[in-house]
């Protein structure tokens, strides 16, 4: 299946503290360590499959996280284990962050964004917002294509700040993640 870039649509985000989560779901959604490292700790060969990265207009609820910015880059990837998608990730950051040398955001390609961010000594992360995607959401359709399973999918997002730059990272957990 060829996944269309910018295949997501807005969803309804809530503060994680406002939602009662099962312990297993909580362990994945609210884990503040690197998701890349967590996936690499599972059996299988980890890889990043780049769906696309380009200058684009983010959704209004994403843009609101960057009150002083007007030009953005949107990046969508699949995080895979043994070529099976585990996570659909969407990142939004100002074009100025793409040019920041130490972050290498403009040249990531199939490298992990998380690995780049978690290597920054001044990295801070906002509290998590979470969502449960409706069955007709584009990411749920991707999940159904790969795993022939219907059901609401969990997602999380947080804002990373480093070197005076901000990166909004949204991660949507597909069926193989052990929270379902």
N, C-alpha and C. Protein backbone atom coordinates (compact mmCIF):
# COMPACT_ATOMS: atom_id res chain seq x y z
N UNK A 1 0.85 -1.18 0.00
CA UNK A 1 0.00 0.00 0.00
C UNK A 1 0.89 1.23 0.00
N UNK A 2 0.60 2.13 -0.87
CA UNK A 2 1.28 3.42 -0.88
C UNK A 2 0.47 4.37 -0.02
N UNK A 3 1.08 4.89 1.01
CA UNK A 3 0.39 5.79 1.92
C UNK A 3 0.56 7.21 1.42
N UNK A 4 -0.56 7.90 1.33
CA UNK A 4 -0.55 9.26 0.83
C UNK A 4 -0.01 10.21 1.89
N UNK A 5 0.92 11.06 1.48
CA UNK A 5 1.47 12.06 2.39
C UNK A 5 0.38 13.05 2.79
N UNK A 6 0.49 13.56 4.00
CA UNK A 6 -0.53 14.44 4.59
C UNK A 6 -1.88 13.71 4.64
N UNK A 7 -1.79 12.44 5.02
CA UNK A 7 -2.97 11.58 5.02
C UNK A 7 -3.80 11.72 6.28
N UNK A 8 -3.32 12.48 7.22
CA UNK A 8 -4.09 12.62 8.45
C UNK A 8 -5.05 13.79 8.34
N UNK A 9 -5.96 13.81 9.25
CA UNK A 9 -6.84 14.96 9.38
C UNK A 9 -6.89 15.32 10.86
N UNK A 10 -7.38 16.48 11.19
CA UNK A 10 -7.36 16.88 12.60
C UNK A 10 -8.11 15.88 13.48
N UNK A 11 -7.73 15.84 14.72
CA UNK A 11 -8.45 15.02 15.67
C UNK A 11 -8.63 15.81 16.96
N UNK A 12 -9.40 15.28 17.87
CA UNK A 12 -9.73 15.97 19.11
C UNK A 12 -8.74 15.56 20.20
N UNK A 13 -7.91 16.48 20.63
CA UNK A 13 -6.89 16.21 21.65
C UNK A 13 -7.39 16.65 23.02
N UNK A 14 -7.02 15.87 24.05
CA UNK A 14 -7.36 16.19 25.43
C UNK A 14 -6.12 16.05 26.29
N UNK A 15 -6.07 16.80 27.38
CA UNK A 15 -4.96 16.62 28.32
C UNK A 15 -5.03 15.20 28.87
N UNK A 16 -3.90 14.54 28.92
CA UNK A 16 -3.86 13.17 29.41
C UNK A 16 -4.38 13.07 30.83
N UNK A 17 -4.17 14.11 31.63
CA UNK A 17 -4.61 14.10 33.02
C UNK A 17 -6.14 14.10 33.15
N UNK A 18 -6.85 14.42 32.06
CA UNK A 18 -8.31 14.47 32.09
C UNK A 18 -8.95 13.13 31.71
N UNK A 19 -8.14 12.12 31.41
CA UNK A 19 -8.67 10.84 30.92
C UNK A 19 -8.20 9.72 31.82
N UNK A 20 -9.12 8.80 32.13
CA UNK A 20 -8.76 7.60 32.88
C UNK A 20 -8.24 6.56 31.89
N UNK A 21 -7.00 6.13 32.06
CA UNK A 21 -6.38 5.20 31.13
C UNK A 21 -6.06 3.88 31.82
N UNK A 22 -6.25 2.78 31.08
CA UNK A 22 -5.83 1.47 31.58
C UNK A 22 -4.32 1.52 31.81
N UNK A 23 -3.80 0.75 32.78
CA UNK A 23 -2.35 0.80 33.06
C UNK A 23 -1.46 0.52 31.85
N UNK A 24 -1.81 -0.46 31.02
CA UNK A 24 -0.98 -0.77 29.85
C UNK A 24 -0.99 0.38 28.85
N UNK A 25 -2.14 0.97 28.65
CA UNK A 25 -2.27 2.12 27.74
C UNK A 25 -1.46 3.29 28.31
N UNK A 26 -1.60 3.52 29.60
CA UNK A 26 -0.87 4.60 30.27
C UNK A 26 0.64 4.42 30.11
N UNK A 27 1.12 3.17 30.24
CA UNK A 27 2.56 2.89 30.11
C UNK A 27 3.11 3.31 28.76
N UNK A 28 2.30 3.19 27.73
CA UNK A 28 2.76 3.58 26.38
C UNK A 28 2.50 5.05 26.09
N UNK A 29 1.31 5.51 26.41
CA UNK A 29 0.94 6.89 26.05
C UNK A 29 1.69 7.94 26.86
N UNK A 30 2.00 7.65 28.10
CA UNK A 30 2.58 8.67 28.96
C UNK A 30 4.05 8.42 29.29
N UNK A 31 4.69 7.52 28.57
CA UNK A 31 6.11 7.25 28.76
C UNK A 31 6.90 8.43 28.20
N UNK A 32 7.67 9.09 29.03
CA UNK A 32 8.40 10.29 28.61
C UNK A 32 9.74 9.98 27.96
N UNK A 33 10.14 8.73 27.97
CA UNK A 33 11.41 8.39 27.31
C UNK A 33 11.19 8.32 25.80
N UNK A 34 12.23 8.06 25.08
CA UNK A 34 12.18 8.02 23.62
C UNK A 34 11.34 6.83 23.14
N UNK A 35 10.34 7.11 22.32
CA UNK A 35 9.54 6.03 21.73
C UNK A 35 10.41 5.19 20.80
N UNK A 36 11.35 5.82 20.10
CA UNK A 36 12.28 5.07 19.26
C UNK A 36 13.03 4.03 20.09
N UNK A 37 13.54 4.44 21.24
CA UNK A 37 14.27 3.51 22.11
C UNK A 37 13.35 2.40 22.61
N UNK A 38 12.11 2.75 22.93
CA UNK A 38 11.16 1.75 23.42
C UNK A 38 10.87 0.72 22.32
N UNK A 39 10.67 1.19 21.10
CA UNK A 39 10.41 0.26 20.00
C UNK A 39 11.64 -0.59 19.70
N UNK A 40 12.82 0.01 19.78
CA UNK A 40 14.05 -0.75 19.53
C UNK A 40 14.27 -1.83 20.58
N UNK A 41 13.69 -1.69 21.75
CA UNK A 41 13.84 -2.70 22.80
C UNK A 41 12.95 -3.93 22.54
N UNK A 42 12.00 -3.80 21.62
CA UNK A 42 11.15 -4.93 21.26
C UNK A 42 11.86 -5.81 20.25
N UNK A 43 11.46 -7.10 20.15
CA UNK A 43 12.08 -7.96 19.13
C UNK A 43 11.79 -7.44 17.72
N UNK A 44 12.77 -7.50 16.86
CA UNK A 44 12.59 -7.10 15.47
C UNK A 44 13.54 -6.00 15.08
N UNK A 45 13.62 -5.77 13.79
CA UNK A 45 14.51 -4.76 13.23
C UNK A 45 13.74 -3.45 13.06
N UNK A 46 14.18 -2.41 13.79
CA UNK A 46 13.52 -1.11 13.77
C UNK A 46 13.92 -0.32 12.52
N UNK A 47 12.96 0.40 11.94
CA UNK A 47 13.25 1.28 10.81
C UNK A 47 12.23 2.41 10.78
N UNK A 48 12.63 3.50 10.13
CA UNK A 48 11.74 4.63 9.89
C UNK A 48 11.44 4.65 8.40
N UNK A 49 10.16 4.60 8.06
CA UNK A 49 9.74 4.69 6.65
C UNK A 49 9.17 6.09 6.44
N UNK A 50 9.87 6.89 5.66
CA UNK A 50 9.44 8.26 5.40
C UNK A 50 8.27 8.27 4.43
N UNK A 51 7.16 8.82 4.86
CA UNK A 51 6.01 9.01 3.97
C UNK A 51 6.19 10.32 3.21
N UNK A 52 6.62 11.36 3.93
CA UNK A 52 6.87 12.64 3.29
C UNK A 52 7.31 13.69 4.29
N UNK A 53 8.02 14.70 3.77
CA UNK A 53 8.43 15.85 4.57
C UNK A 53 8.53 17.03 3.63
N UNK A 54 7.76 18.09 3.92
CA UNK A 54 7.75 19.25 3.06
C UNK A 54 7.20 20.47 3.80
N UNK A 55 7.44 21.64 3.23
CA UNK A 55 6.81 22.85 3.74
C UNK A 55 5.31 22.71 3.50
N UNK A 56 4.52 22.93 4.54
CA UNK A 56 3.07 22.75 4.43
C UNK A 56 2.39 23.53 5.54
N UNK A 57 1.11 23.71 5.38
CA UNK A 57 0.32 24.39 6.40
C UNK A 57 -0.21 23.35 7.38
N UNK A 58 0.10 23.50 8.67
CA UNK A 58 -0.41 22.54 9.65
C UNK A 58 -1.88 22.79 9.96
N UNK A 59 -2.49 21.84 10.66
CA UNK A 59 -3.87 22.02 11.11
C UNK A 59 -3.91 23.17 12.12
N UNK A 60 -5.07 23.78 12.26
CA UNK A 60 -5.21 24.92 13.18
C UNK A 60 -4.79 24.54 14.61
N UNK A 61 -5.15 23.34 15.06
CA UNK A 61 -4.79 22.97 16.44
C UNK A 61 -3.30 22.71 16.59
N UNK A 62 -2.59 22.46 15.49
CA UNK A 62 -1.13 22.34 15.52
C UNK A 62 -0.50 23.74 15.47
N UNK A 63 -1.00 24.56 14.60
CA UNK A 63 -0.47 25.92 14.44
C UNK A 63 -0.56 26.70 15.75
N UNK A 64 -1.58 26.44 16.54
CA UNK A 64 -1.77 27.17 17.80
C UNK A 64 -0.62 26.93 18.79
N UNK A 65 0.15 25.89 18.60
CA UNK A 65 1.30 25.61 19.47
C UNK A 65 2.50 26.50 19.14
N UNK A 66 2.41 27.22 18.02
CA UNK A 66 3.51 28.05 17.53
C UNK A 66 3.00 29.47 17.26
N UNK A 67 2.65 30.23 18.29
CA UNK A 67 1.98 31.52 18.07
C UNK A 67 2.79 32.53 17.25
N UNK A 68 4.09 32.45 17.25
CA UNK A 68 4.91 33.45 16.55
C UNK A 68 5.37 32.99 15.16
N UNK A 69 5.00 31.79 14.74
CA UNK A 69 5.51 31.22 13.48
C UNK A 69 4.46 31.24 12.38
N UNK A 70 4.93 31.31 11.13
CA UNK A 70 4.00 31.28 10.00
C UNK A 70 4.38 30.24 8.94
N UNK A 71 5.66 29.84 8.88
CA UNK A 71 6.11 28.88 7.87
C UNK A 71 6.54 27.59 8.56
N UNK A 72 6.01 26.45 8.07
CA UNK A 72 6.20 25.18 8.76
C UNK A 72 6.65 24.06 7.82
N UNK A 73 7.23 23.06 8.44
CA UNK A 73 7.53 21.79 7.79
C UNK A 73 6.67 20.73 8.46
N UNK A 74 6.06 19.86 7.67
CA UNK A 74 5.30 18.73 8.18
C UNK A 74 6.01 17.46 7.72
N UNK A 75 6.18 16.53 8.64
CA UNK A 75 6.86 15.25 8.37
C UNK A 75 5.95 14.13 8.85
N UNK A 76 5.75 13.13 8.00
CA UNK A 76 4.97 11.95 8.37
C UNK A 76 5.81 10.71 8.09
N UNK A 77 5.82 9.80 9.07
CA UNK A 77 6.59 8.57 8.96
C UNK A 77 5.82 7.41 9.56
N UNK A 78 6.27 6.21 9.21
CA UNK A 78 5.86 4.99 9.91
C UNK A 78 7.08 4.48 10.65
N UNK A 79 6.92 4.15 11.92
CA UNK A 79 7.96 3.48 12.68
C UNK A 79 7.65 1.99 12.61
N UNK A 80 8.59 1.21 12.10
CA UNK A 80 8.32 -0.19 11.82
C UNK A 80 9.25 -1.12 12.59
N UNK A 81 8.77 -2.34 12.79
CA UNK A 81 9.58 -3.44 13.30
C UNK A 81 9.41 -4.57 12.31
N UNK A 82 10.52 -5.08 11.78
CA UNK A 82 10.48 -6.12 10.75
C UNK A 82 9.53 -5.76 9.62
N UNK A 83 9.59 -4.49 9.22
CA UNK A 83 8.80 -3.93 8.11
C UNK A 83 7.30 -3.90 8.38
N UNK A 84 6.89 -4.10 9.62
CA UNK A 84 5.48 -3.99 10.01
C UNK A 84 5.29 -2.67 10.74
N UNK A 85 4.38 -1.81 10.28
CA UNK A 85 4.16 -0.52 10.93
C UNK A 85 3.62 -0.69 12.35
N UNK A 86 4.26 -0.02 13.30
CA UNK A 86 3.80 0.00 14.68
C UNK A 86 3.24 1.37 15.06
N UNK A 87 3.83 2.43 14.51
CA UNK A 87 3.43 3.79 14.88
C UNK A 87 3.40 4.67 13.63
N UNK A 88 2.34 5.45 13.49
CA UNK A 88 2.28 6.51 12.50
C UNK A 88 2.62 7.79 13.25
N UNK A 89 3.63 8.52 12.80
CA UNK A 89 4.05 9.74 13.49
C UNK A 89 3.97 10.94 12.55
N UNK A 90 3.52 12.05 13.09
CA UNK A 90 3.42 13.31 12.35
C UNK A 90 4.12 14.37 13.19
N UNK A 91 5.05 15.07 12.59
CA UNK A 91 5.79 16.12 13.28
C UNK A 91 5.60 17.43 12.53
N UNK A 92 5.49 18.51 13.29
CA UNK A 92 5.34 19.86 12.73
C UNK A 92 6.37 20.74 13.43
N UNK A 93 7.12 21.49 12.62
CA UNK A 93 8.09 22.42 13.19
C UNK A 93 8.28 23.59 12.25
N UNK A 94 8.68 24.73 12.81
CA UNK A 94 8.93 25.90 11.97
C UNK A 94 10.08 25.63 11.00
N UNK A 95 10.03 26.26 9.85
CA UNK A 95 11.11 26.12 8.87
C UNK A 95 12.45 26.50 9.49
N UNK A 96 12.44 27.46 10.40
CA UNK A 96 13.69 27.87 11.05
C UNK A 96 14.34 26.70 11.81
N UNK A 97 13.55 25.78 12.34
CA UNK A 97 14.10 24.61 13.04
C UNK A 97 14.73 23.63 12.06
N UNK A 98 14.20 23.57 10.85
CA UNK A 98 14.75 22.66 9.84
C UNK A 98 16.19 23.02 9.50
N UNK A 99 16.50 24.30 9.60
CA UNK A 99 17.85 24.77 9.24
C UNK A 99 18.83 24.73 10.41
N UNK A 100 18.36 24.41 11.61
CA UNK A 100 19.22 24.39 12.79
C UNK A 100 20.20 23.23 12.68
N UNK A 101 21.49 23.51 12.63
CA UNK A 101 22.52 22.51 12.32
C UNK A 101 22.50 21.30 13.25
N UNK A 102 22.48 21.50 14.54
CA UNK A 102 22.57 20.37 15.47
C UNK A 102 21.35 19.46 15.45
N UNK A 103 20.21 19.99 15.04
CA UNK A 103 19.00 19.17 15.00
C UNK A 103 18.89 18.34 13.73
N UNK A 104 19.41 18.84 12.63
CA UNK A 104 19.36 18.13 11.34
C UNK A 104 17.93 17.77 10.91
N UNK A 105 16.94 18.55 11.30
CA UNK A 105 15.56 18.21 10.98
C UNK A 105 15.28 18.27 9.49
N UNK A 106 15.96 19.13 8.78
CA UNK A 106 15.73 19.25 7.34
C UNK A 106 16.32 18.11 6.55
N UNK A 107 17.20 17.33 7.18
CA UNK A 107 17.91 16.25 6.46
C UNK A 107 17.72 14.89 7.10
N UNK A 108 16.65 14.68 7.85
CA UNK A 108 16.47 13.42 8.57
C UNK A 108 16.28 12.22 7.65
N UNK A 109 15.50 12.40 6.59
CA UNK A 109 15.22 11.25 5.72
C UNK A 109 14.62 10.11 6.53
N UNK A 110 15.26 8.94 6.51
CA UNK A 110 14.74 7.79 7.24
C UNK A 110 15.40 7.63 8.62
N UNK A 111 16.04 8.68 9.09
CA UNK A 111 16.57 8.66 10.45
C UNK A 111 15.45 9.03 11.43
N UNK A 112 15.62 8.60 12.66
CA UNK A 112 14.62 8.84 13.69
C UNK A 112 14.67 10.28 14.20
N UNK A 113 13.55 10.96 14.17
CA UNK A 113 13.44 12.30 14.76
C UNK A 113 13.69 12.21 16.27
N UNK A 114 13.13 11.18 16.91
CA UNK A 114 13.31 11.01 18.34
C UNK A 114 14.77 10.91 18.73
N UNK A 115 15.53 10.18 17.94
CA UNK A 115 16.95 10.03 18.24
C UNK A 115 17.65 11.39 18.18
N UNK A 116 17.31 12.19 17.19
CA UNK A 116 17.90 13.53 17.08
C UNK A 116 17.50 14.40 18.27
N UNK A 117 16.22 14.37 18.64
CA UNK A 117 15.75 15.21 19.74
C UNK A 117 16.33 14.78 21.08
N UNK A 118 16.29 13.48 21.36
CA UNK A 118 16.73 13.01 22.67
C UNK A 118 18.24 13.11 22.86
N UNK A 119 18.98 13.44 21.82
CA UNK A 119 20.41 13.69 21.94
C UNK A 119 20.72 15.13 22.35
N UNK A 120 19.70 15.98 22.43
CA UNK A 120 19.90 17.39 22.76
C UNK A 120 19.95 17.56 24.28
N UNK A 121 21.01 18.17 24.81
CA UNK A 121 21.15 18.29 26.27
C UNK A 121 20.12 19.23 26.91
N UNK A 122 19.56 20.17 26.16
CA UNK A 122 18.62 21.13 26.74
C UNK A 122 17.16 20.79 26.43
N UNK A 123 16.89 19.56 26.02
CA UNK A 123 15.55 19.16 25.59
C UNK A 123 14.54 19.23 26.74
N UNK A 124 13.40 19.85 26.48
CA UNK A 124 12.26 19.80 27.40
C UNK A 124 11.05 19.32 26.61
N UNK A 125 10.09 18.75 27.32
CA UNK A 125 8.90 18.20 26.68
C UNK A 125 7.67 18.65 27.46
N UNK A 126 6.64 19.05 26.74
CA UNK A 126 5.39 19.46 27.38
C UNK A 126 4.67 18.23 27.94
N UNK A 127 3.62 18.49 28.69
CA UNK A 127 2.77 17.38 29.13
C UNK A 127 2.07 16.80 27.90
N UNK A 128 1.62 15.58 28.02
CA UNK A 128 0.99 14.89 26.89
C UNK A 128 -0.47 15.29 26.72
N UNK A 129 -0.86 15.33 25.46
CA UNK A 129 -2.26 15.34 25.08
C UNK A 129 -2.51 13.99 24.41
N UNK A 130 -3.72 13.46 24.57
CA UNK A 130 -4.03 12.16 24.00
C UNK A 130 -5.33 12.24 23.21
N UNK A 131 -5.50 11.25 22.34
CA UNK A 131 -6.72 11.15 21.55
C UNK A 131 -7.01 9.69 21.27
N UNK A 132 -8.26 9.41 21.01
CA UNK A 132 -8.65 8.11 20.49
C UNK A 132 -9.33 8.39 19.15
N UNK A 133 -8.72 7.87 18.08
CA UNK A 133 -9.19 8.19 16.74
C UNK A 133 -10.49 7.46 16.41
N UNK A 134 -11.42 8.14 15.75
CA UNK A 134 -12.64 7.47 15.31
C UNK A 134 -12.33 6.47 14.20
N UNK A 135 -13.25 5.55 13.97
CA UNK A 135 -13.04 4.48 13.00
C UNK A 135 -12.82 4.99 11.59
N UNK A 136 -13.38 6.15 11.25
CA UNK A 136 -13.28 6.66 9.88
C UNK A 136 -12.07 7.58 9.68
N UNK A 137 -11.21 7.70 10.66
CA UNK A 137 -10.02 8.55 10.53
C UNK A 137 -9.02 7.89 9.58
N UNK A 138 -8.28 8.69 8.83
CA UNK A 138 -7.32 8.18 7.85
C UNK A 138 -6.29 7.23 8.43
N UNK A 139 -5.83 7.47 9.64
CA UNK A 139 -4.83 6.60 10.26
C UNK A 139 -5.47 5.25 10.60
N UNK A 140 -6.73 5.27 11.00
CA UNK A 140 -7.42 4.01 11.26
C UNK A 140 -7.57 3.20 9.97
N UNK A 141 -7.75 3.90 8.85
CA UNK A 141 -7.82 3.20 7.56
C UNK A 141 -6.48 2.57 7.20
N UNK A 142 -5.38 3.25 7.52
CA UNK A 142 -4.05 2.68 7.31
C UNK A 142 -3.90 1.42 8.16
N UNK A 143 -4.30 1.50 9.42
CA UNK A 143 -4.23 0.35 10.32
C UNK A 143 -5.06 -0.81 9.78
N UNK A 144 -6.25 -0.51 9.30
CA UNK A 144 -7.13 -1.56 8.78
C UNK A 144 -6.50 -2.21 7.54
N UNK A 145 -5.85 -1.42 6.70
CA UNK A 145 -5.20 -2.00 5.52
C UNK A 145 -4.12 -3.01 5.93
N UNK A 146 -3.27 -2.64 6.87
CA UNK A 146 -2.16 -3.51 7.26
C UNK A 146 -2.60 -4.68 8.14
N UNK A 147 -3.59 -4.46 9.00
CA UNK A 147 -3.91 -5.47 10.02
C UNK A 147 -5.34 -5.97 10.00
N UNK A 148 -6.15 -5.49 9.06
CA UNK A 148 -7.54 -5.92 8.92
C UNK A 148 -8.28 -5.87 10.26
N UNK A 149 -7.98 -4.83 11.04
CA UNK A 149 -8.63 -4.67 12.34
C UNK A 149 -9.26 -3.29 12.42
N UNK A 150 -10.49 -3.28 12.92
CA UNK A 150 -11.18 -2.01 13.15
C UNK A 150 -11.27 -1.79 14.64
N UNK A 151 -11.07 -0.60 15.03
CA UNK A 151 -11.18 -0.24 16.45
C UNK A 151 -10.52 1.11 16.63
N UNK A 152 -10.94 1.84 17.64
CA UNK A 152 -10.33 3.14 17.87
C UNK A 152 -8.85 2.99 18.23
N UNK A 153 -8.03 3.86 17.67
CA UNK A 153 -6.60 3.83 17.94
C UNK A 153 -6.23 4.98 18.87
N UNK A 154 -5.26 4.72 19.74
CA UNK A 154 -4.75 5.75 20.64
C UNK A 154 -3.65 6.56 19.97
N UNK A 155 -3.61 7.83 20.31
CA UNK A 155 -2.54 8.70 19.88
C UNK A 155 -2.13 9.62 21.01
N UNK A 156 -0.94 10.15 20.90
CA UNK A 156 -0.45 11.12 21.88
C UNK A 156 0.33 12.20 21.14
N UNK A 157 0.45 13.34 21.76
CA UNK A 157 1.30 14.38 21.19
C UNK A 157 1.90 15.22 22.32
N UNK A 158 3.06 15.77 22.02
CA UNK A 158 3.73 16.67 22.96
C UNK A 158 4.63 17.60 22.16
N UNK A 159 4.95 18.71 22.80
CA UNK A 159 5.79 19.72 22.18
C UNK A 159 7.19 19.64 22.79
N UNK A 160 8.18 19.40 21.94
CA UNK A 160 9.57 19.37 22.37
C UNK A 160 10.18 20.74 22.13
N UNK A 161 11.04 21.18 23.06
CA UNK A 161 11.76 22.43 22.87
C UNK A 161 13.24 22.20 23.11
N UNK A 162 14.06 22.71 22.18
CA UNK A 162 15.50 22.60 22.28
C UNK A 162 16.13 23.67 21.40
N UNK A 163 17.22 24.22 21.85
CA UNK A 163 17.97 25.23 21.09
C UNK A 163 17.08 26.37 20.59
N UNK A 164 16.09 26.74 21.40
CA UNK A 164 15.20 27.82 21.02
C UNK A 164 14.20 27.45 19.94
N UNK A 165 14.08 26.18 19.63
CA UNK A 165 13.16 25.71 18.60
C UNK A 165 12.13 24.76 19.21
N UNK A 166 10.97 24.66 18.57
CA UNK A 166 9.90 23.78 19.03
C UNK A 166 9.54 22.79 17.93
N UNK A 167 9.22 21.57 18.35
CA UNK A 167 8.79 20.52 17.43
C UNK A 167 7.59 19.83 18.07
N UNK A 168 6.46 19.84 17.37
CA UNK A 168 5.26 19.14 17.84
C UNK A 168 5.26 17.74 17.23
N UNK A 169 5.24 16.73 18.09
CA UNK A 169 5.29 15.35 17.63
C UNK A 169 4.00 14.64 18.06
N UNK A 170 3.29 14.11 17.06
CA UNK A 170 2.07 13.31 17.30
C UNK A 170 2.38 11.88 16.89
N UNK A 171 2.04 10.94 17.77
CA UNK A 171 2.33 9.53 17.52
C UNK A 171 1.04 8.73 17.71
N UNK A 172 0.72 7.91 16.72
CA UNK A 172 -0.51 7.12 16.73
C UNK A 172 -0.13 5.64 16.72
N UNK A 173 -0.61 4.91 17.73
CA UNK A 173 -0.20 3.53 17.96
C UNK A 173 -1.10 2.58 17.18
N UNK A 174 -0.49 1.81 16.29
CA UNK A 174 -1.22 0.87 15.43
C UNK A 174 -1.42 -0.47 16.17
N UNK A 175 -2.16 -1.38 15.58
CA UNK A 175 -2.59 -2.62 16.23
C UNK A 175 -1.50 -3.46 16.88
N UNK A 176 -0.27 -3.57 16.32
CA UNK A 176 0.70 -4.45 16.96
C UNK A 176 1.24 -3.95 18.31
N UNK A 177 1.07 -2.66 18.61
CA UNK A 177 1.57 -2.13 19.88
C UNK A 177 0.78 -2.80 21.01
N UNK A 178 1.47 -3.30 22.03
CA UNK A 178 0.79 -4.09 23.06
C UNK A 178 -0.06 -3.28 24.04
N UNK A 179 -0.88 -2.38 23.52
CA UNK A 179 -1.84 -1.67 24.37
C UNK A 179 -3.27 -2.06 24.00
N UNK A 180 -3.40 -2.86 22.95
CA UNK A 180 -4.75 -3.26 22.50
C UNK A 180 -5.06 -4.68 22.88
